[in-house]
C-alpha atoms as a PDB file:
ATOM      1  CA  MET A   1      -2.195  -1.512  -1.040  1.00  0.00           C
ATOM      2  CA  LEU A   2       1.276  -1.949   0.395  1.00  0.00           C
ATOM      3  CA  GLY A   3      -0.052  -0.154   3.438  1.00  0.00           C
ATOM      4  CA  SER A   4      -1.500  -3.096   4.609  1.00  0.00           C
ATOM      5  CA  TYR A   5       1.742  -5.163   5.199  1.00  0.00           C
ATOM      6  CA  THR A   6       3.427  -5.276   8.621  1.00  0.00           C
ATOM      7  CA  GLU A   7       6.572  -6.758   7.430  1.00  0.00           C
ATOM      8  CA  ILE A   8       8.648  -7.364   4.024  1.00  0.00           C
ATOM      9  CA  ASP A   9       8.246 -10.636   2.766  1.00  0.00           C
ATOM     10  CA  GLU A  10       7.502 -12.355  -0.277  1.00  0.00           C
ATOM     11  CA  SER A  11       4.092 -12.085  -0.387  1.00  0.00           C
ATOM     12  CA  LEU A  12       4.337  -8.136   0.084  1.00  0.00           C
ATOM     13  CA  PHE A  13       6.851  -8.064  -3.565  1.00  0.00           C
ATOM     14  CA  GLU A  14       4.236 -11.003  -4.873  1.00  0.00           C
ATOM     15  CA  GLN A  15       1.813  -7.857  -4.761  1.00  0.00           C
ATOM     16  CA  LEU A  16       4.078  -5.387  -5.538  1.00  0.00           C
ATOM     17  CA  GLU A  17       4.786  -7.239  -9.043  1.00  0.00           C
ATOM     18  CA  GLU A  18       1.198  -7.802  -9.458  1.00  0.00           C
ATOM     19  CA  LEU A  19       0.763  -3.931  -9.061  1.00  0.00           C
ATOM     20  CA  LEU A  20       3.395  -3.122 -11.363  1.00  0.00           C
ATOM     21  CA  VAL A  21       2.370  -5.439 -14.323  1.00  0.00           C
ATOM     22  CA  MET A  22      -1.337  -4.088 -13.703  1.00  0.00           C
ATOM     23  CA  ALA A  23       0.274  -0.686 -13.943  1.00  0.00           C
ATOM     24  CA  ASP A  24       1.336  -1.754 -18.151  1.00  0.00           C
ATOM     25  CA  THR A  25       5.151  -1.564 -17.089  1.00  0.00           C
ATOM     26  CA  GLY A  26       5.515  -5.072 -18.041  1.00  0.00           C
ATOM     27  CA  VAL A  27       6.326  -8.446 -16.720  1.00  0.00           C
ATOM     28  CA  PRO A  28      10.098  -8.453 -17.394  1.00  0.00           C
ATOM     29  CA  THR A  29      10.262  -4.618 -16.277  1.00  0.00           C
ATOM     30  CA  ALA A  30       7.908  -5.296 -12.810  1.00  0.00           C
ATOM     31  CA  GLU A  31      10.544  -8.400 -12.043  1.00  0.00           C
ATOM     32  CA  ARG A  32      13.524  -6.205 -12.714  1.00  0.00           C
ATOM     33  CA  ILE A  33      11.934  -3.566 -10.379  1.00  0.00           C
ATOM     34  CA  CYS A  34      10.804  -5.999  -7.777  1.00  0.00           C
ATOM     35  CA  ASP A  35      14.660  -7.309  -7.685  1.00  0.00           C
ATOM     36  CA  GLU A  36      16.037  -4.048  -7.524  1.00  0.00           C
ATOM     37  CA  VAL A  37      13.850  -3.284  -4.615  1.00  0.00           C
ATOM     38  CA  LYS A  38      14.819  -6.701  -3.059  1.00  0.00           C
ATOM     39  CA  LYS A  39      18.375  -6.028  -3.032  1.00  0.00           C
ATOM     40  CA  ARG A  40      18.201  -2.314  -1.781  1.00  0.00           C
ATOM     41  CA  VAL A  41      16.130  -3.852   1.102  1.00  0.00           C
ATOM     42  CA  LYS A  42      18.652  -6.521   1.897  1.00  0.00           C
ATOM     43  CA  GLU A  43      21.523  -4.366   1.452  1.00  0.00           C
ATOM     44  CA  GLN A  44      20.177  -1.420   3.823  1.00  0.00           C
ATOM     45  CA  ARG A  45      18.420  -3.913   6.190  1.00  0.00           C
ATOM     46  CA  ILE A  46      15.158  -2.532   5.816  1.00  0.00           C
ATOM     47  CA  THR A  47      12.401  -3.694   7.941  1.00  0.00           C
ATOM     48  CA  ASP A  48       9.623  -1.317   7.613  1.00  0.00           C
ATOM     49  CA  PRO A  49       7.278  -1.947   5.302  1.00  0.00           C
ATOM     50  CA  THR A  50       6.229   1.767   4.504  1.00  0.00           C
ATOM     51  CA  GLN A  51       9.740   2.600   3.250  1.00  0.00           C
ATOM     52  CA  ILE A  52       9.095   0.242   0.562  1.00  0.00           C
ATOM     53  CA  PHE A  53       7.032   2.939  -1.693  1.00  0.00           C
ATOM     54  CA  GLU A  54      10.328   5.283  -1.381  1.00  0.00           C
ATOM     55  CA  MET A  55      12.697   3.068  -2.324  1.00  0.00           C
ATOM     56  CA  LEU A  56      10.272   1.775  -4.972  1.00  0.00           C
ATOM     57  CA  ARG A  57       9.847   5.487  -6.444  1.00  0.00           C
ATOM     58  CA  THR A  58      13.765   6.053  -6.010  1.00  0.00           C
ATOM     59  CA  THR A  59      14.487   2.485  -8.087  1.00  0.00           C
ATOM     60  CA  VAL A  60      12.208   3.738 -10.814  1.00  0.00           C
ATOM     61  CA  ALA A  61      13.286   7.146 -11.042  1.00  0.00           C
ATOM     62  CA  GLU A  62      16.754   5.995 -11.225  1.00  0.00           C
ATOM     63  CA  MET A  63      16.164   3.189 -13.969  1.00  0.00           C
ATOM     64  CA  ILE A  64      14.695   6.073 -15.994  1.00  0.00           C
ATOM     65  CA  ALA A  65      17.381   8.501 -15.927  1.00  0.00           C
ATOM     66  CA  GLY A  66      19.671   6.159 -15.914  1.00  0.00           C
ATOM     67  CA  ASP A  67      18.769   4.725 -19.740  1.00  0.00           C
ATOM     68  CA  GLU A  68      17.870   7.718 -22.150  1.00  0.00           C
ATOM     69  CA  GLU A  69      18.988   6.164 -24.991  1.00  0.00           C
ATOM     70  CA  LEU A  70      16.185   4.812 -27.487  1.00  0.00           C
ATOM     71  CA  HIS A  71      16.575   0.819 -27.986  1.00  0.00           C
ATOM     72  CA  VAL A  72      14.557  -0.348 -30.750  1.00  0.00           C
ATOM     73  CA  HIS A  73      14.820  -4.584 -30.777  1.00  0.00           C
ATOM     74  CA  THR A  74      13.461  -6.160 -33.731  1.00  0.00           C
ATOM     75  CA  ASN A  75      13.466 -10.042 -35.131  1.00  0.00           C
ATOM     76  CA  LEU A  76      14.931  -9.983 -38.367  1.00  0.00           C
ATOM     77  CA  ARG A  77      17.038 -12.734 -39.604  1.00  0.00           C
END
């Protein structure tokens, strides 16, 4: 679906976030991934939307690899 874009704009990132949520990443994770990809696009001055998929893959792989601890959150008060 992202291959149909000819430029990197907010619409592309909205679509990407929607796809991530539909893939069951959850809204907070989808937002975090999109924010990181946006940051990298800006830093690396990427203008070709076809490069987004590789950047997405790299970003997710780094997020997974960088956090090997088990995080358990409860609402015990």
